[in-house]
Amino acid sequence: MVLSFAVLRVTGSVGRLGLVLACQSAAALLLTLGGGLAGDRFARGRIMIISLAVRMTVAATLAAALLTRTASFGLLLAMAGIYGCADGFFGPVSVALLPDVVPRAELGRANALVGGTISSARIAAPAMAGVIVGVLGPGSGFALQAVVLAVAAGCLAAARLPAGRAASAIRTAAIRTAAIRTAADLAAADRAAADRAAADRAGPLRQLQAGWKEFASRRWLWLLTGEWTVFSMIVLAPVAVLGPALAEHYLGGALAWGVIGSCLSLGAVGGQVIAGRIRPPARPALVIACLVPFMTGEALALGLGAPLAVVALAAASTGLAIGSQAVIFATAMQTSVQPEVLSRVSSIDLLASEGGQPIGYALAGPLAAAVGPHAFLEAGAAGMLVASAAFALLRPLRFRLVLCEPSPD
């Protein structure tokens, strides 16, 4: 949010805002596979701390430039790219870290707790950011963001996290040893250890091929990834670009957009709490596919030019669906993919599912200028409603989730 209003106030151009958001998103996607490789080889907690520290530095740099009125479009574009690079490492590593520290039976609740905590912070954050940007300007917003990122990095540094793959193996050794009862079990354990050692010696390309094999073997996973690719391109990205501009023109500016963002996060918390308290669905992919139409509410309300109260309510319903599917999807992937390749599978999913966003960011401004922002948002929401209804009928989405067992050492 702060970046969006910073670009709008420095350049006054929706098209340039789309380019900045596209640059940040594309940089994150380009580094996502590297994050997946690093997360399966090195200490995941350390990677996350470095990512937070780099993003803190970017926020502090932008705060200084905006407060001294020396910010330019080129600086905003460059800083967005650096921020995206650091963010690209964070996503797949954070998904893979949770199974290292939480028992598998508790992953659903853990995902709900983590997601709910993040979304809870985002309830107040957009409203606070709206007030800060509206009264003091985006430079002060970036200063606050730098402080928050510094605190997050400090908390992770103080936490007791696994030191790497060796520590993760030690943590599960007792459980796996209990399963070794016969000579055949011992031989299987030796073969698995040899395979992992060979994988560690393999080059990055071979390691990515192994991750792709795991990803491609699960039809439900790549089908859901493809659906999210389309959704992020025609719904999420246009809302991110056009929403702040529409809020500036007819909803009341940065404060109004902050209220809408808070309602979105409030809905996400509700969805995550609900998904964490219920039993994980036997057919998670089908449930997620059925939730997608409800995620178009915010875009549809903005497209129809609804008043602030209606847009806020629609944003809350969108957040409810997004929060629910996030917990269900993360739990399904974490419990059906082997931990030693989970970072790579997660990075491939993130790369593919978010791949439509840079395109959506870049095209939102020009297309909205051609047909009008309201009509563009309406068309995207309506198209996604029809496509998701047909998508939910696909047979592979009706699979029953089968939990993977940790491979023996």
Protein backbone atom coordinates (compact mmCIF):
# COMPACT_ATOMS: atom_id res chain seq x y z
CA MET A 1 0.00 0.00 0.00
CA VAL A 2 2.72 2.50 0.97
CA LEU A 3 4.64 1.77 -2.24
CA SER A 4 1.52 2.31 -4.35
CA PHE A 5 0.81 5.75 -2.93
CA ALA A 6 4.51 6.65 -3.05
CA VAL A 7 4.59 5.97 -6.79
CA LEU A 8 1.30 7.78 -7.39
CA ARG A 9 2.51 10.86 -5.50
CA VAL A 10 5.98 10.91 -7.09
CA THR A 11 4.86 10.18 -10.68
CA GLY A 12 1.09 10.70 -10.75
CA SER A 13 0.85 7.78 -13.20
CA VAL A 14 -1.15 4.55 -12.82
CA GLY A 15 0.88 3.05 -15.66
CA ARG A 16 4.16 3.67 -13.83
CA LEU A 17 2.66 2.21 -10.66
CA GLY A 18 1.93 -0.94 -12.65
CA LEU A 19 5.54 -1.05 -13.87
CA VAL A 20 6.95 -0.70 -10.33
CA LEU A 21 4.69 -3.45 -8.98
CA ALA A 22 5.54 -5.62 -11.99
CA CYS A 23 9.27 -5.10 -11.38
CA GLN A 24 8.96 -6.11 -7.74
CA SER A 25 6.83 -9.15 -8.53
CA ALA A 26 9.03 -10.29 -11.44
CA ALA A 27 12.20 -10.00 -9.33
CA ALA A 28 10.61 -12.10 -6.60
CA LEU A 29 9.58 -14.74 -9.12
CA LEU A 30 13.05 -14.89 -10.72
CA LEU A 31 14.63 -15.58 -7.34
CA THR A 32 11.97 -17.99 -6.12
CA LEU A 33 13.65 -21.09 -7.56
CA GLY A 34 16.94 -19.99 -5.99
CA GLY A 35 15.10 -19.69 -2.68
CA GLY A 36 13.75 -23.20 -3.08
CA LEU A 37 17.21 -24.62 -3.74
CA ALA A 38 18.73 -22.71 -0.84
CA GLY A 39 15.94 -23.73 1.53
CA ASP A 40 16.56 -27.43 0.89
CA ARG A 41 20.34 -27.12 1.43
CA PHE A 42 20.99 -24.41 4.03
CA ALA A 43 19.55 -23.18 7.32
CA ARG A 44 16.06 -21.96 6.51
CA GLY A 45 15.85 -19.61 9.48
CA ARG A 46 19.07 -17.85 8.47
CA ILE A 47 17.81 -17.32 4.92
CA MET A 48 14.62 -15.73 6.24
CA ILE A 49 16.59 -13.39 8.53
CA ILE A 50 18.77 -12.20 5.62
CA SER A 51 15.67 -11.63 3.49
CA LEU A 52 14.07 -9.52 6.23
CA ALA A 53 17.28 -7.52 6.72
CA VAL A 54 17.54 -6.68 3.00
CA ARG A 55 13.91 -5.58 2.85
CA MET A 56 14.42 -3.46 5.98
CA THR A 57 17.31 -1.70 4.26
CA VAL A 58 15.19 -1.01 1.18
CA ALA A 59 12.36 0.42 3.29
CA ALA A 60 14.80 2.65 5.19
CA THR A 61 16.34 3.89 1.92
CA LEU A 62 12.93 4.76 0.46
CA ALA A 63 11.90 6.47 3.69
CA ALA A 64 15.00 8.69 3.58
CA ALA A 65 14.52 9.54 -0.11
CA LEU A 66 10.83 10.37 0.27
CA LEU A 67 11.26 12.40 3.44
CA THR A 68 14.05 14.46 1.83
CA ARG A 69 12.02 14.74 -1.41
CA THR A 70 14.80 13.25 -3.52
CA ALA A 71 12.85 10.17 -4.61
CA SER A 72 12.50 9.51 -8.33
CA PHE A 73 10.76 6.95 -10.47
CA GLY A 74 14.11 5.27 -11.17
CA LEU A 75 14.88 4.90 -7.46
CA LEU A 76 11.41 3.50 -6.72
CA LEU A 77 11.82 1.01 -9.58
CA ALA A 78 15.27 -0.10 -8.43
CA MET A 79 14.29 -0.46 -4.76
CA ALA A 80 11.18 -2.41 -5.75
CA GLY A 81 13.39 -4.83 -7.68
CA ILE A 82 15.77 -5.34 -4.74
CA TYR A 83 12.86 -5.82 -2.36
CA GLY A 84 11.39 -8.41 -4.72
CA CYS A 85 14.68 -10.32 -4.90
CA ALA A 86 14.82 -10.65 -1.12
CA ASP A 87 11.13 -11.57 -0.99
CA GLY A 88 11.71 -14.33 -3.55
CA PHE A 89 13.88 -16.24 -1.08
CA PHE A 90 11.48 -15.79 1.82
CA GLY A 91 8.31 -17.40 0.41
CA PRO A 92 9.36 -21.00 -0.35
CA VAL A 93 11.65 -21.17 2.68
CA SER A 94 8.93 -20.06 5.10
CA VAL A 95 6.53 -22.72 3.77
CA ALA A 96 9.15 -25.44 4.21
CA LEU A 97 10.32 -24.30 7.65
CA LEU A 98 7.06 -25.07 9.46
CA PRO A 99 7.25 -28.90 9.10
CA ASP A 100 10.76 -28.71 10.61
CA VAL A 101 9.43 -27.35 13.90
CA VAL A 102 5.83 -28.62 14.11
CA PRO A 103 4.55 -32.24 14.29
CA ARG A 104 2.78 -33.25 11.08
CA ALA A 105 -0.51 -33.88 12.84
CA GLU A 106 -0.55 -30.24 13.98
CA LEU A 107 0.37 -28.61 10.65
CA GLY A 108 -3.20 -27.50 9.92
CA ARG A 109 -3.48 -25.65 13.22
CA ALA A 110 0.05 -24.30 12.90
CA ASN A 111 -0.65 -22.90 9.42
CA ALA A 112 -3.82 -21.30 10.76
CA LEU A 113 -1.95 -19.81 13.74
CA VAL A 114 0.88 -18.40 11.61
CA GLY A 115 -1.45 -17.10 8.92
CA GLY A 116 -3.90 -15.74 11.48
CA THR A 117 -1.12 -13.93 13.35
CA ILE A 118 0.16 -12.34 10.15
CA SER A 119 -3.32 -11.36 9.02
CA SER A 120 -4.15 -10.01 12.49
CA ALA A 121 -1.19 -7.66 12.22
CA ARG A 122 -2.45 -6.64 8.79
CA ILE A 123 -5.85 -5.66 10.18
CA ALA A 124 -4.46 -2.61 11.95
CA ALA A 125 -1.52 -2.06 9.60
CA PRO A 126 -3.44 -0.84 6.50
CA ALA A 127 -5.55 1.55 8.55
CA MET A 128 -2.45 2.86 10.35
CA ALA A 129 -0.60 3.12 7.05
CA GLY A 130 -3.55 4.98 5.55
CA VAL A 131 -3.47 7.52 8.36
CA ILE A 132 0.32 7.89 8.21
CA VAL A 133 0.38 8.22 4.41
CA GLY A 134 -2.60 10.58 4.41
CA VAL A 135 -1.23 12.85 7.14
CA LEU A 136 2.57 12.49 7.04
CA GLY A 137 3.19 11.02 3.59
CA PRO A 138 4.55 7.68 2.29
CA GLY A 139 8.07 8.40 3.59
CA SER A 140 6.88 7.99 7.17
CA GLY A 141 5.07 4.82 6.14
CA PHE A 142 8.30 3.32 4.87
CA ALA A 143 10.08 4.35 8.08
CA LEU A 144 7.51 2.41 10.10
CA GLN A 145 7.86 -0.57 7.73
CA ALA A 146 11.64 -0.59 8.26
CA VAL A 147 11.13 -0.74 12.02
CA VAL A 148 8.65 -3.62 11.75
CA LEU A 149 11.00 -5.61 9.49
CA ALA A 150 13.88 -5.03 11.90
CA VAL A 151 11.80 -6.35 14.81
CA ALA A 152 10.77 -9.40 12.76
CA ALA A 153 14.40 -10.17 11.89
CA GLY A 154 15.38 -9.82 15.54
CA CYS A 155 12.64 -12.20 16.66
CA LEU A 156 13.72 -14.84 14.14
CA ALA A 157 17.36 -14.44 15.17
CA ALA A 158 16.40 -15.04 18.81
CA ALA A 159 14.29 -18.12 18.01
CA ARG A 160 15.66 -21.64 18.22
CA LEU A 161 15.35 -22.81 14.64
CA PRO A 162 16.89 -25.88 12.94
CA ALA A 163 20.41 -25.21 11.72
CA GLY A 164 19.86 -27.00 8.41
CA ARG A 165 19.12 -30.37 6.89
CA ALA A 166 21.39 -32.14 9.36
CA ALA A 167 19.48 -30.71 12.31
CA SER A 168 16.17 -31.66 10.71
CA ALA A 169 17.41 -35.21 10.27
CA ILE A 170 18.47 -35.41 13.91
CA ARG A 171 15.08 -34.13 15.01
CA THR A 172 13.24 -36.95 13.20
CA ALA A 173 15.81 -39.69 13.79
CA ALA A 174 14.00 -41.24 16.76
CA ILE A 175 10.70 -41.42 14.90
CA ARG A 176 12.27 -42.93 11.82
CA THR A 177 14.40 -45.39 13.77
CA ALA A 178 11.28 -46.73 15.46
CA ALA A 179 10.00 -47.77 12.02
CA ILE A 180 13.12 -49.86 11.29
CA ARG A 181 12.20 -53.32 12.53
CA THR A 182 13.68 -55.67 9.95
CA ALA A 183 16.75 -56.07 7.76
CA ALA A 184 14.65 -54.92 4.79
CA ASP A 185 13.74 -51.75 6.65
CA LEU A 186 17.41 -51.13 7.42
CA ALA A 187 18.36 -51.64 3.76
CA ALA A 188 15.64 -49.24 2.67
CA ALA A 189 16.92 -46.68 5.16
CA ASP A 190 20.46 -47.05 3.79
CA ARG A 191 19.23 -46.61 0.21
CA ALA A 192 17.27 -43.49 1.16
CA ALA A 193 20.32 -42.01 2.89
CA ALA A 194 22.47 -42.75 -0.15
CA ASP A 195 19.89 -41.15 -2.45
CA ARG A 196 19.82 -37.99 -0.35
CA ALA A 197 23.61 -37.82 -0.28
CA ALA A 198 23.66 -38.14 -4.08
CA ALA A 199 21.02 -35.41 -4.33
CA ASP A 200 23.16 -33.11 -2.19
CA ARG A 201 26.10 -33.65 -4.55
CA ALA A 202 23.99 -33.03 -7.65
CA GLY A 203 24.09 -29.67 -9.38
CA PRO A 204 21.31 -27.10 -9.08
CA LEU A 205 19.72 -28.17 -12.36
CA ARG A 206 19.41 -31.79 -11.23
CA GLN A 207 17.99 -30.67 -7.91
CA LEU A 208 15.41 -28.51 -9.66
CA GLN A 209 14.52 -31.44 -11.91
CA ALA A 210 13.87 -33.55 -8.82
CA GLY A 211 11.62 -30.82 -7.41
CA TRP A 212 9.79 -30.50 -10.74
CA LYS A 213 9.23 -34.26 -10.84
CA GLU A 214 7.56 -34.12 -7.43
CA PHE A 215 5.47 -31.11 -8.46
CA ALA A 216 4.38 -32.49 -11.84
CA SER A 217 3.43 -35.88 -10.40
CA ARG A 218 0.58 -34.28 -8.44
CA ARG A 219 -2.09 -33.20 -10.92
CA TRP A 220 -4.20 -31.50 -8.27
CA LEU A 221 -1.23 -29.34 -7.30
CA TRP A 222 -0.38 -28.02 -10.75
CA LEU A 223 -4.03 -27.56 -11.66
CA LEU A 224 -4.60 -25.37 -8.61
CA THR A 225 -1.36 -23.54 -9.39
CA GLY A 226 -2.60 -22.84 -12.91
CA GLU A 227 -5.92 -21.54 -11.63
CA TRP A 228 -4.17 -19.18 -9.24
CA THR A 229 -1.95 -17.95 -12.10
CA VAL A 230 -5.02 -16.79 -14.00
CA PHE A 231 -6.65 -15.38 -10.87
CA SER A 232 -3.58 -13.35 -9.91
CA MET A 233 -3.29 -11.95 -13.45
CA ILE A 234 -6.89 -10.87 -14.06
CA VAL A 235 -8.12 -10.13 -10.52
CA LEU A 236 -5.38 -9.63 -7.89
CA ALA A 237 -2.96 -7.56 -9.98
CA PRO A 238 -5.59 -5.16 -11.41
CA VAL A 239 -7.01 -4.57 -7.91
CA ALA A 240 -3.53 -3.79 -6.57
CA VAL A 241 -2.88 -1.26 -9.36
CA LEU A 242 -6.32 0.30 -9.84
CA GLY A 243 -7.62 0.03 -6.26
CA PRO A 244 -5.42 2.82 -4.80
CA ALA A 245 -6.19 5.08 -7.79
CA LEU A 246 -9.94 4.50 -7.46
CA ALA A 247 -9.73 5.08 -3.71
CA GLU A 248 -7.92 8.36 -4.38
CA HIS A 249 -10.60 9.49 -6.84
CA TYR A 250 -13.92 8.55 -5.25
CA LEU A 251 -13.55 6.63 -1.97
CA GLY A 252 -11.58 9.07 0.18
CA GLY A 253 -7.90 8.46 -0.53
CA ALA A 254 -5.27 6.52 1.39
CA LEU A 255 -7.32 6.23 4.58
CA ALA A 256 -10.22 4.61 2.70
CA TRP A 257 -7.87 2.16 0.99
CA GLY A 258 -6.38 1.38 4.39
CA VAL A 259 -9.84 0.57 5.75
CA ILE A 260 -10.47 -1.75 2.80
CA GLY A 261 -7.12 -3.46 3.38
CA SER A 262 -7.92 -3.92 7.06
CA CYS A 263 -11.27 -5.51 6.20
CA LEU A 264 -9.52 -7.84 3.76
CA SER A 265 -7.10 -8.91 6.49
CA LEU A 266 -9.91 -9.27 9.03
CA GLY A 267 -11.68 -11.65 6.68
CA ALA A 268 -8.42 -13.56 6.14
CA VAL A 269 -8.02 -14.03 9.89
CA GLY A 270 -11.55 -15.43 10.10
CA GLY A 271 -10.90 -17.80 7.23
CA GLN A 272 -7.62 -19.02 8.71
CA VAL A 273 -9.16 -19.55 12.14
CA ILE A 274 -12.03 -21.55 10.65
CA ALA A 275 -9.75 -23.64 8.43
CA GLY A 276 -7.42 -24.31 11.37
CA ARG A 277 -10.18 -25.47 13.70
CA ILE A 278 -11.94 -27.85 11.36
CA ARG A 279 -10.61 -31.20 10.25
CA PRO A 280 -8.53 -30.93 7.04
CA PRO A 281 -10.83 -31.79 4.12
CA ALA A 282 -10.39 -35.18 2.46
CA ARG A 283 -10.61 -33.45 -0.95
CA PRO A 284 -8.69 -30.21 -0.36
CA ALA A 285 -8.24 -29.32 -4.04
CA LEU A 286 -11.97 -29.42 -4.69
CA VAL A 287 -12.68 -27.22 -1.66
CA ILE A 288 -10.06 -24.68 -2.80
CA ALA A 289 -11.47 -24.61 -6.33
CA CYS A 290 -14.93 -23.89 -4.94
CA LEU A 291 -13.59 -21.00 -2.84
CA VAL A 292 -12.12 -19.09 -5.80
CA PRO A 293 -15.40 -17.42 -6.92
CA PHE A 294 -15.75 -15.86 -3.46
CA MET A 295 -12.30 -14.26 -3.89
CA THR A 296 -13.59 -11.94 -6.64
CA GLY A 297 -15.86 -9.91 -4.33
CA GLU A 298 -13.51 -6.97 -3.80
CA ALA A 299 -12.74 -6.60 -7.51
CA LEU A 300 -16.43 -6.78 -8.41
CA ALA A 301 -17.40 -4.15 -5.82
CA LEU A 302 -14.67 -1.77 -7.00
CA GLY A 303 -15.68 -2.36 -10.61
CA LEU A 304 -19.30 -1.53 -9.88
CA GLY A 305 -18.27 1.70 -8.17
CA ALA A 306 -19.84 0.66 -4.87
CA PRO A 307 -19.58 2.93 -1.81
CA LEU A 308 -16.83 2.41 0.75
CA ALA A 309 -18.95 0.32 3.14
CA VAL A 310 -19.91 -2.14 0.39
CA VAL A 311 -16.33 -2.41 -0.91
CA ALA A 312 -15.08 -3.02 2.63
CA LEU A 313 -17.67 -5.76 3.18
CA ALA A 314 -16.77 -7.37 -0.16
CA ALA A 315 -13.07 -7.19 0.79
CA ALA A 316 -13.84 -9.01 4.04
CA SER A 317 -15.58 -11.83 2.15
CA THR A 318 -12.66 -12.01 -0.27
CA GLY A 319 -10.24 -12.25 2.65
CA LEU A 320 -12.36 -14.99 4.27
CA ALA A 321 -12.04 -17.16 1.16
CA ILE A 322 -8.34 -16.38 0.61
CA GLY A 323 -7.48 -17.10 4.25
CA SER A 324 -9.30 -20.43 4.22
CA GLN A 325 -7.71 -21.64 1.00
CA ALA A 326 -4.23 -20.57 2.14
CA VAL A 327 -4.37 -22.84 5.19
CA ILE A 328 -5.94 -25.75 3.31
CA PHE A 329 -3.45 -25.52 0.43
CA ALA A 330 -0.34 -25.15 2.60
CA THR A 331 -1.35 -28.08 4.81
CA ALA A 332 -2.10 -30.29 1.80
CA MET A 333 1.28 -29.54 0.23
CA GLN A 334 3.26 -29.90 3.46
CA THR A 335 1.70 -33.26 4.31
CA SER A 336 1.86 -34.80 0.83
CA VAL A 337 5.39 -33.75 -0.24
CA GLN A 338 8.60 -35.14 1.27
CA PRO A 339 10.32 -32.56 3.54
CA GLU A 340 13.66 -32.84 1.72
CA VAL A 341 12.13 -31.46 -1.53
CA LEU A 342 9.43 -29.26 -0.02
CA SER A 343 11.26 -25.95 -0.52
CA ARG A 344 11.80 -26.72 -4.21
CA VAL A 345 8.20 -27.81 -4.77
CA SER A 346 7.00 -24.71 -2.94
CA SER A 347 9.25 -22.47 -5.04
CA ILE A 348 7.95 -24.00 -8.28
CA ASP A 349 4.39 -23.48 -7.09
CA LEU A 350 5.10 -19.86 -6.17
CA LEU A 351 6.89 -19.18 -9.46
CA ALA A 352 4.02 -20.59 -11.51
CA SER A 353 1.09 -19.34 -9.43
CA GLU A 354 2.42 -15.78 -9.15
CA GLY A 355 3.74 -15.73 -12.72
CA GLY A 356 0.65 -13.95 -13.99
CA GLN A 357 0.97 -11.05 -11.57
CA PRO A 358 3.79 -9.08 -13.29
CA ILE A 359 1.83 -9.31 -16.56
CA GLY A 360 -1.32 -8.17 -14.79
CA TYR A 361 0.49 -5.28 -13.14
CA ALA A 362 2.04 -4.10 -16.40
CA LEU A 363 -1.19 -4.33 -18.43
CA ALA A 364 -3.66 -3.02 -15.85
CA GLY A 365 -2.87 0.65 -16.43
CA PRO A 366 -2.97 0.65 -20.26
CA LEU A 367 -6.05 -1.59 -20.47
CA ALA A 368 -7.91 0.41 -17.82
CA ALA A 369 -7.10 3.58 -19.76
CA ALA A 370 -8.55 1.99 -22.90
CA VAL A 371 -11.81 0.56 -21.51
CA GLY A 372 -12.12 2.31 -18.13
CA PRO A 373 -11.01 1.00 -14.72
CA HIS A 374 -14.51 0.02 -13.60
CA ALA A 375 -15.27 -1.99 -16.74
CA PHE A 376 -11.86 -3.64 -16.61
CA LEU A 377 -12.32 -4.83 -13.03
CA GLU A 378 -15.88 -6.02 -13.74
CA ALA A 379 -14.73 -8.03 -16.75
CA GLY A 380 -11.91 -9.69 -14.83
CA ALA A 381 -14.16 -10.67 -11.91
CA ALA A 382 -16.92 -11.97 -14.18
CA GLY A 383 -14.47 -13.97 -16.30
CA MET A 384 -12.95 -15.57 -13.21
CA LEU A 385 -16.39 -16.51 -11.88
CA VAL A 386 -17.23 -18.40 -15.06
CA ALA A 387 -13.79 -20.02 -15.38
CA SER A 388 -13.66 -21.18 -11.75
CA ALA A 389 -17.14 -22.72 -11.95
CA ALA A 390 -16.00 -24.86 -14.89
CA PHE A 391 -12.65 -25.59 -13.25
CA ALA A 392 -14.29 -27.07 -10.15
CA LEU A 393 -15.76 -29.85 -12.31
CA LEU A 394 -12.34 -31.29 -13.25
CA ARG A 395 -11.88 -34.88 -12.09
CA PRO A 396 -8.29 -34.60 -10.69
CA LEU A 397 -9.49 -32.09 -8.10
CA ARG A 398 -11.59 -34.80 -6.48
CA PHE A 399 -8.57 -36.76 -5.24
CA ARG A 400 -8.34 -37.82 -1.60
CA LEU A 401 -5.30 -36.50 0.25
CA VAL A 402 -2.76 -39.19 1.15
CA LEU A 403 -0.18 -38.19 3.74
CA CYS A 404 3.43 -38.91 2.87
CA GLU A 405 5.64 -40.68 5.40
CA PRO A 406 9.10 -39.21 6.14
CA SER A 407 11.72 -41.21 4.28
CA PRO A 408 13.89 -43.23 6.70
CA ASP A 409 17.53 -42.33 7.32
